[in-house]
Amino acid sequence: MAPVPAPTGTLRPHESFLTVGVADALPGGVYLPAAPNGGTDDYRCFLADPKLVQKSFVTGVQFLPGNPAVVHHSILFRVEPSQVTAAQQKDAADPRPGWECFGGPGLPSTSKNPLDGLDAAPWLAGWAPGGKESVFAGGFGVPMPPGSQIVIQMHYNLRTVHQPQDDTHIRLRMSDDPAVRPLSTMLLPAPVELPCPTGVTGPLCDRNAAVADVVSRFGVGSGRTVAGLQLLCGGDFFKPKAGVTQSCVRYIRQPVTIRAAAGHMHLLGHSIRIVANAGTPRERLVLDIPVWDFDNQSAVPLAKPVPLKAGDTVTVTCTHDATLRDKLPALKGLAPRYVVWGEGTTDEMCLGILITG
């Protein structure tokens, strides 16, 4: 594989570069993706130890995909010191490098409230096609206590690539400045309930069959996600509302300030919006992407941060286009299906991402 490119950015006071890779400890320094259950998607988690001996902050992230032909996206998760043993056990229990991790790394939660995992997700950063180095505003960073480690979650899509290999690296900006203010990530998922286009039929156009297919490829957790999104977003658990556009309203539980925003959908995405306090005199547009570009999913810093107080709302709205399954080369030839939230590149998501602090 190609050597890791040298850093090009300029370090700020108290910063240093730290580089970790998915295959640093593997023979030949490469990972060989392989999709389970007869699918075309491999979600793999790799544990990286930055060997932190004092409190530090991640102040910037640059993903260096080793093989862009198969790397669909990547997410970095902070592993608290209390979670490290569980992560090591998952790594050791899986016979292949790292461990299978559809949905997330599967580590025990440090909170009893499930909403904490969305309001303050343990994300360090995410990368999708088009992403460039993300440098947080001066004086802000994601806290990393001593002993913390990092999970690198990789999503490989293998539908059109044979005998793939990958040596993705991540270059972090680390700061030891105690005056850095902490940043957090808030996740705003919404359901995907996209029926087959009018006049199009097939076995997977039945919603129950489509959900069963997702579960067969990604496990029972995927079925729980599809159902859970209806509960989270006020939908009908037994009879979800199908349509090209889906939304979810989230109530803010404690004061935060939105400093950057991003969206995440797959290839059927058409548009995505995030609005604070929709329909009120304090309404603010946080993110508006009227024409979704899968190859450009970078976070957008807000020119004017948006402060929110407890009781305020944020609404994410996504529109998908099922007819793209017959138009895009990456999807052409696939059987028609009712599309729900799923982990694969040929499935869909609707996710708003807010950087707060």
Protein backbone atom coordinates (compact mmCIF):
# COMPACT_ATOMS: atom_id res chain seq x y z
CA MET A 1 0.00 0.00 0.00
CA ALA A 2 1.06 3.62 -0.47
CA PRO A 3 3.00 5.32 2.35
CA VAL A 4 1.07 7.58 4.71
CA PRO A 5 1.34 11.16 3.40
CA ALA A 6 3.15 13.66 5.58
CA PRO A 7 1.10 16.30 7.43
CA THR A 8 0.47 19.50 5.50
CA GLY A 9 -1.41 21.55 8.09
CA THR A 10 0.13 24.02 10.52
CA LEU A 11 0.01 23.10 14.19
CA ARG A 12 -1.34 25.62 16.67
CA PRO A 13 0.15 26.19 20.14
CA HIS A 14 -0.02 23.08 22.37
CA GLU A 15 -0.91 20.83 19.40
CA SER A 16 0.89 17.76 18.08
CA PHE A 17 0.05 15.17 15.43
CA LEU A 18 -0.79 11.57 16.31
CA THR A 19 -1.42 8.96 13.59
CA VAL A 20 -3.18 5.62 14.08
CA GLY A 21 -4.06 2.98 11.49
CA VAL A 22 -6.57 0.15 11.17
CA ALA A 23 -3.91 -2.38 10.19
CA ASP A 24 -0.79 -1.18 12.03
CA ALA A 25 -0.48 -4.48 13.94
CA LEU A 26 -1.50 -6.78 11.07
CA PRO A 27 0.82 -8.78 8.80
CA GLY A 28 1.84 -6.63 5.86
CA GLY A 29 0.07 -3.66 7.43
CA VAL A 30 -3.17 -4.26 5.53
CA TYR A 31 -6.66 -5.46 6.36
CA LEU A 32 -8.58 -7.72 3.97
CA PRO A 33 -12.30 -6.83 4.16
CA ALA A 34 -14.82 -9.66 3.93
CA ALA A 35 -18.60 -9.21 4.13
CA PRO A 36 -20.52 -11.66 6.39
CA ASN A 37 -23.87 -13.37 5.80
CA GLY A 38 -23.58 -13.32 2.03
CA GLY A 39 -23.80 -9.53 2.01
CA THR A 40 -21.64 -6.84 0.43
CA ASP A 41 -20.85 -4.74 3.51
CA ASP A 42 -18.18 -5.27 6.15
CA TYR A 43 -18.39 -3.19 9.34
CA ARG A 44 -15.19 -3.67 11.32
CA CYS A 45 -13.98 -2.05 14.53
CA PHE A 46 -10.29 -1.68 15.36
CA LEU A 47 -8.96 -0.64 18.77
CA ALA A 48 -6.14 1.93 18.77
CA ASP A 49 -4.19 2.99 21.86
CA PRO A 50 -2.87 6.58 21.72
CA LYS A 51 -1.07 5.92 25.05
CA LEU A 52 -2.42 9.02 26.78
CA VAL A 53 -0.89 9.67 30.20
CA GLN A 54 -2.51 13.06 30.80
CA LYS A 55 -5.79 14.70 29.87
CA SER A 56 -5.72 15.70 26.22
CA PHE A 57 -8.12 17.05 23.62
CA VAL A 58 -8.66 16.04 20.01
CA THR A 59 -8.67 19.36 18.15
CA GLY A 60 -8.66 18.11 14.57
CA VAL A 61 -9.02 14.93 12.52
CA GLN A 62 -7.87 13.92 9.06
CA PHE A 63 -8.96 10.59 7.58
CA LEU A 64 -6.54 9.04 5.11
CA PRO A 65 -8.50 6.25 3.36
CA GLY A 66 -6.16 3.56 2.11
CA ASN A 67 -8.54 2.20 -0.51
CA PRO A 68 -11.27 4.69 -1.47
CA ALA A 69 -12.85 2.09 -3.75
CA VAL A 70 -14.10 0.10 -0.74
CA VAL A 71 -14.14 2.58 2.18
CA HIS A 72 -17.76 3.77 2.43
CA HIS A 73 -17.35 5.73 5.66
CA SER A 74 -15.55 5.68 9.00
CA ILE A 75 -16.36 6.81 12.54
CA LEU A 76 -13.99 7.33 15.46
CA PHE A 77 -15.38 6.49 18.90
CA ARG A 78 -13.85 7.56 22.20
CA VAL A 79 -13.30 4.59 24.53
CA GLU A 80 -13.42 5.61 28.19
CA PRO A 81 -10.80 3.98 30.46
CA SER A 82 -13.61 1.95 32.07
CA GLN A 83 -14.54 0.50 28.65
CA VAL A 84 -11.06 -0.53 27.48
CA THR A 85 -11.21 -4.06 28.92
CA ALA A 86 -14.56 -4.72 27.21
CA ALA A 87 -13.14 -3.50 23.90
CA GLN A 88 -10.08 -5.73 24.26
CA GLN A 89 -12.32 -8.70 25.01
CA LYS A 90 -14.42 -8.10 21.89
CA ASP A 91 -11.23 -7.89 19.84
CA ALA A 92 -9.87 -11.14 21.29
CA ALA A 93 -13.18 -13.00 20.87
CA ASP A 94 -13.40 -12.38 17.11
CA PRO A 95 -11.12 -14.66 15.06
CA ARG A 96 -10.61 -11.99 12.41
CA PRO A 97 -8.77 -8.68 12.97
CA GLY A 98 -10.82 -6.29 15.08
CA TRP A 99 -14.46 -7.24 15.56
CA GLU A 100 -17.73 -7.12 13.62
CA CYS A 101 -19.64 -3.97 14.60
CA PHE A 102 -22.79 -3.20 12.62
CA GLY A 103 -24.44 -0.18 14.21
CA GLY A 104 -21.64 0.67 16.62
CA PRO A 105 -18.74 -0.77 18.63
CA GLY A 106 -21.09 -2.48 21.09
CA LEU A 107 -19.30 -1.37 24.25
CA PRO A 108 -21.10 -1.11 27.61
CA SER A 109 -22.66 2.30 28.08
CA THR A 110 -21.30 4.68 30.68
CA SER A 111 -24.82 6.08 31.18
CA LYS A 112 -28.16 4.59 32.24
CA ASN A 113 -30.18 6.92 29.99
CA PRO A 114 -30.26 5.71 26.36
CA LEU A 115 -30.77 9.27 25.11
CA ASP A 116 -27.30 10.16 26.42
CA GLY A 117 -25.87 8.06 23.60
CA LEU A 118 -27.54 10.43 21.11
CA ASP A 119 -27.29 13.77 22.93
CA ALA A 120 -23.62 13.27 23.77
CA ALA A 121 -22.44 10.48 21.48
CA PRO A 122 -18.92 9.12 22.08
CA TRP A 123 -17.93 10.19 18.55
CA LEU A 124 -14.58 11.82 17.98
CA ALA A 125 -15.20 12.39 14.29
CA GLY A 126 -16.71 10.84 11.20
CA TRP A 127 -15.57 10.63 7.60
CA ALA A 128 -17.47 10.03 4.38
CA PRO A 129 -16.49 10.64 0.76
CA GLY A 130 -15.47 14.24 0.20
CA GLY A 131 -14.37 14.73 3.79
CA LYS A 132 -11.21 16.77 4.32
CA GLU A 133 -9.21 17.55 7.43
CA SER A 134 -11.55 18.79 10.14
CA VAL A 135 -9.91 21.37 12.41
CA PHE A 136 -12.02 22.54 15.32
CA ALA A 137 -12.24 26.23 16.12
CA GLY A 138 -9.43 27.55 18.26
CA GLY A 139 -9.94 26.81 21.94
CA PHE A 140 -12.29 23.84 21.39
CA GLY A 141 -11.71 20.08 21.35
CA VAL A 142 -13.06 16.66 22.34
CA PRO A 143 -11.75 15.63 25.78
CA MET A 144 -9.69 12.44 26.13
CA PRO A 145 -8.95 11.43 29.75
CA PRO A 146 -5.70 9.55 30.54
CA GLY A 147 -6.00 5.90 29.55
CA SER A 148 -8.64 6.56 26.89
CA GLN A 149 -8.41 4.62 23.66
CA ILE A 150 -10.04 4.92 20.24
CA VAL A 151 -12.24 2.61 18.21
CA ILE A 152 -11.93 3.06 14.46
CA GLN A 153 -15.14 1.80 12.87
CA MET A 154 -14.74 1.12 9.16
CA HIS A 155 -17.56 0.45 6.71
CA TYR A 156 -16.35 -1.35 3.62
CA ASN A 157 -18.66 -1.82 0.63
CA LEU A 158 -17.56 -4.77 -1.50
CA ARG A 159 -20.29 -4.92 -4.12
CA THR A 160 -18.03 -4.06 -7.06
CA VAL A 161 -14.51 -4.73 -5.73
CA HIS A 162 -12.89 -8.16 -5.57
CA GLN A 163 -9.88 -9.10 -3.43
CA PRO A 164 -9.86 -5.73 -1.62
CA GLN A 165 -7.33 -4.58 0.94
CA ASP A 166 -7.08 -1.46 3.07
CA ASP A 167 -4.63 0.40 5.29
CA THR A 168 -6.64 3.48 6.28
CA HIS A 169 -4.94 5.84 8.75
CA ILE A 170 -6.28 8.67 10.86
CA ARG A 171 -4.18 11.68 11.78
CA LEU A 172 -5.31 13.43 14.96
CA ARG A 173 -4.43 16.85 16.25
CA MET A 174 -3.89 16.48 20.00
CA SER A 175 -3.72 19.38 22.45
CA ASP A 176 -2.51 19.34 26.04
CA ASP A 177 -3.85 22.86 26.72
CA PRO A 178 -6.04 22.63 29.87
CA ALA A 179 -7.92 25.76 28.78
CA VAL A 180 -9.49 23.99 25.77
CA ARG A 181 -13.30 23.96 25.98
CA PRO A 182 -14.97 20.56 25.41
CA LEU A 183 -16.97 19.73 22.29
CA SER A 184 -19.60 17.02 21.99
CA THR A 185 -21.54 15.33 19.19
CA MET A 186 -25.34 15.16 19.06
CA LEU A 187 -26.93 12.64 16.69
CA LEU A 188 -30.34 13.30 15.13
CA PRO A 189 -31.57 10.10 13.44
CA ALA A 190 -34.90 9.89 11.68
CA PRO A 191 -36.74 6.89 10.18
CA VAL A 192 -36.44 5.82 6.57
CA GLU A 193 -39.70 4.38 5.23
CA LEU A 194 -39.28 4.58 1.46
CA PRO A 195 -41.75 2.46 -0.55
CA CYS A 196 -41.14 1.10 -4.01
CA PRO A 197 -42.03 3.61 -6.74
CA THR A 198 -45.60 3.58 -8.02
CA GLY A 199 -46.17 0.64 -10.34
CA VAL A 200 -43.02 -1.20 -9.24
CA THR A 201 -43.50 -4.58 -7.57
CA GLY A 202 -41.33 -7.34 -6.14
CA PRO A 203 -41.05 -9.56 -3.06
CA LEU A 204 -39.01 -6.97 -1.15
CA CYS A 205 -41.53 -4.22 -1.85
CA ASP A 206 -43.36 -5.65 1.16
CA ARG A 207 -42.12 -3.81 4.27
CA ASN A 208 -42.06 -6.89 6.50
CA ALA A 209 -39.98 -8.78 3.95
CA ALA A 210 -37.62 -5.81 3.58
CA VAL A 211 -37.09 -5.53 7.34
CA ALA A 212 -36.49 -9.27 7.58
CA ASP A 213 -33.88 -8.99 4.82
CA VAL A 214 -32.05 -6.20 6.69
CA VAL A 215 -32.07 -8.30 9.88
CA SER A 216 -30.70 -11.32 7.99
CA ARG A 217 -27.74 -9.26 6.77
CA PHE A 218 -26.95 -7.14 9.84
CA GLY A 219 -28.49 -8.93 12.84
CA VAL A 220 -31.43 -8.36 15.17
CA GLY A 221 -30.01 -4.99 16.27
CA SER A 222 -30.92 -3.58 12.87
CA GLY A 223 -34.56 -4.57 13.39
CA ARG A 224 -34.53 -2.87 16.78
CA THR A 225 -33.17 0.30 15.17
CA VAL A 226 -35.97 0.38 12.58
CA ALA A 227 -38.58 -0.05 15.32
CA GLY A 228 -36.83 2.25 17.78
CA LEU A 229 -36.76 5.14 15.34
CA GLN A 230 -40.56 5.03 15.18
CA LEU A 231 -40.73 5.25 18.96
CA LEU A 232 -38.11 8.01 19.16
CA CYS A 233 -39.73 10.10 16.46
CA GLY A 234 -43.40 9.72 17.38
CA GLY A 235 -44.34 7.34 14.59
CA ASP A 236 -46.73 4.41 14.61
CA PHE A 237 -44.81 1.35 15.76
CA PHE A 238 -47.25 -1.07 14.09
CA LYS A 239 -48.10 0.93 10.98
CA PRO A 240 -45.30 3.39 10.11
CA LYS A 241 -46.10 6.19 7.70
CA ALA A 242 -44.42 5.46 4.38
CA GLY A 243 -43.17 8.29 2.17
CA VAL A 244 -40.22 9.91 0.47
CA THR A 245 -39.81 12.48 3.27
CA GLN A 246 -39.33 11.65 6.96
CA SER A 247 -38.64 13.88 9.97
CA CYS A 248 -37.80 13.65 13.62
CA VAL A 249 -38.15 16.33 16.31
CA ARG A 250 -35.78 16.22 19.26
CA TYR A 251 -36.21 18.17 22.49
CA ILE A 252 -33.09 19.67 24.03
CA ARG A 253 -32.55 18.46 27.59
CA GLN A 254 -29.85 20.89 28.66
CA PRO A 255 -28.32 24.09 27.23
CA VAL A 256 -25.98 23.61 24.26
CA THR A 257 -24.53 25.74 21.47
CA ILE A 258 -24.43 24.32 17.93
CA ARG A 259 -21.12 25.15 16.27
CA ALA A 260 -21.13 22.87 13.20
CA ALA A 261 -23.52 20.51 11.44
CA ALA A 262 -23.49 17.68 8.92
CA GLY A 263 -25.86 15.17 7.39
CA HIS A 264 -25.50 11.54 6.48
CA MET A 265 -27.53 9.60 3.91
CA HIS A 266 -26.63 7.05 1.29
CA LEU A 267 -27.09 6.93 -2.47
CA LEU A 268 -30.86 7.47 -2.56
CA GLY A 269 -30.59 10.73 -0.62
CA HIS A 270 -32.17 13.79 -2.25
CA SER A 271 -32.08 16.52 0.43
CA ILE A 272 -31.59 17.08 4.14
CA ARG A 273 -32.40 19.98 6.49
CA ILE A 274 -31.84 20.66 10.18
CA VAL A 275 -33.91 23.42 11.81
CA ALA A 276 -33.82 24.69 15.39
CA ASN A 277 -37.13 25.69 16.98
CA ALA A 278 -39.11 25.15 13.79
CA GLY A 279 -42.35 27.11 13.54
CA THR A 280 -41.48 29.55 16.32
CA PRO A 281 -40.18 33.14 16.29
CA ARG A 282 -36.76 31.73 17.26
CA GLU A 283 -36.55 29.43 14.24
CA ARG A 284 -33.00 29.07 12.88
CA LEU A 285 -31.86 27.11 9.83
CA VAL A 286 -28.86 25.05 10.92
CA LEU A 287 -28.20 22.97 7.79
CA ASP A 288 -29.78 23.00 4.33
CA ILE A 289 -28.56 20.67 1.57
CA PRO A 290 -31.22 20.87 -1.17
CA VAL A 291 -29.31 18.55 -3.51
CA TRP A 292 -27.60 15.73 -1.64
CA ASP A 293 -24.09 14.80 -2.79
CA PHE A 294 -22.92 11.48 -1.38
CA ASP A 295 -19.34 12.47 -2.21
CA ASN A 296 -19.45 15.61 -0.07
CA GLN A 297 -20.47 14.93 3.52
CA SER A 298 -18.14 17.27 5.40
CA ALA A 299 -19.36 19.09 8.50
CA VAL A 300 -20.27 22.76 7.93
CA PRO A 301 -19.10 25.24 10.60
CA LEU A 302 -21.81 27.74 11.49
CA ALA A 303 -20.89 31.36 10.81
CA LYS A 304 -22.98 32.25 13.84
CA PRO A 305 -23.30 29.53 16.52
CA VAL A 306 -26.85 28.67 17.58
CA PRO A 307 -27.46 28.63 21.36
CA LEU A 308 -30.26 26.35 22.57
CA LYS A 309 -31.85 26.02 25.97
CA ALA A 310 -33.67 23.14 27.65
CA GLY A 311 -37.04 22.61 25.97
CA ASP A 312 -35.94 23.92 22.55
CA THR A 313 -36.23 21.63 19.55
CA VAL A 314 -34.13 20.54 16.61
CA THR A 315 -35.77 18.88 13.61
CA VAL A 316 -34.04 16.79 10.97
CA THR A 317 -35.85 16.17 7.68
CA CYS A 318 -34.64 13.89 4.89
CA THR A 319 -36.04 13.24 1.43
CA HIS A 320 -35.03 10.14 -0.55
CA ASP A 321 -35.66 9.16 -4.15
CA ALA A 322 -36.37 5.47 -4.79
CA THR A 323 -36.16 5.92 -8.57
CA LEU A 324 -32.39 6.42 -8.26
CA ARG A 325 -32.04 2.64 -7.79
CA ASP A 326 -32.53 2.29 -11.54
CA LYS A 327 -30.33 5.26 -12.48
CA LEU A 328 -27.14 5.08 -10.44
CA PRO A 329 -24.44 2.65 -11.66
CA ALA A 330 -23.71 1.54 -8.08
CA LEU A 331 -27.36 0.47 -7.59
CA LYS A 332 -28.40 -0.53 -11.09
CA GLY A 333 -29.64 -4.09 -11.37
CA LEU A 334 -30.71 -4.46 -7.74
CA ALA A 335 -34.15 -5.87 -7.05
CA PRO A 336 -36.74 -3.23 -6.08
CA ARG A 337 -37.38 -2.97 -2.34
CA TYR A 338 -39.09 -1.05 0.40
CA VAL A 339 -36.14 0.82 1.92
CA VAL A 340 -35.73 1.13 5.68
CA TRP A 341 -32.82 2.24 7.86
CA GLY A 342 -29.98 -0.19 7.19
CA GLU A 343 -26.22 -0.37 7.51
CA GLY A 344 -25.39 -1.23 3.89
CA THR A 345 -24.48 1.15 1.11
CA THR A 346 -27.53 -0.10 -0.82
CA ASP A 347 -29.75 0.57 2.22
CA GLU A 348 -30.46 4.06 3.59
CA MET A 349 -30.09 6.35 6.56
CA CYS A 350 -31.29 9.78 7.68
CA LEU A 351 -28.93 11.29 10.21
CA GLY A 352 -28.27 14.83 11.33
CA ILE A 353 -25.01 15.47 13.17
CA LEU A 354 -24.47 18.48 15.41
CA ILE A 355 -21.15 19.53 16.95
CA THR A 356 -21.95 21.32 20.18
CA GLY A 357 -19.96 23.03 22.88
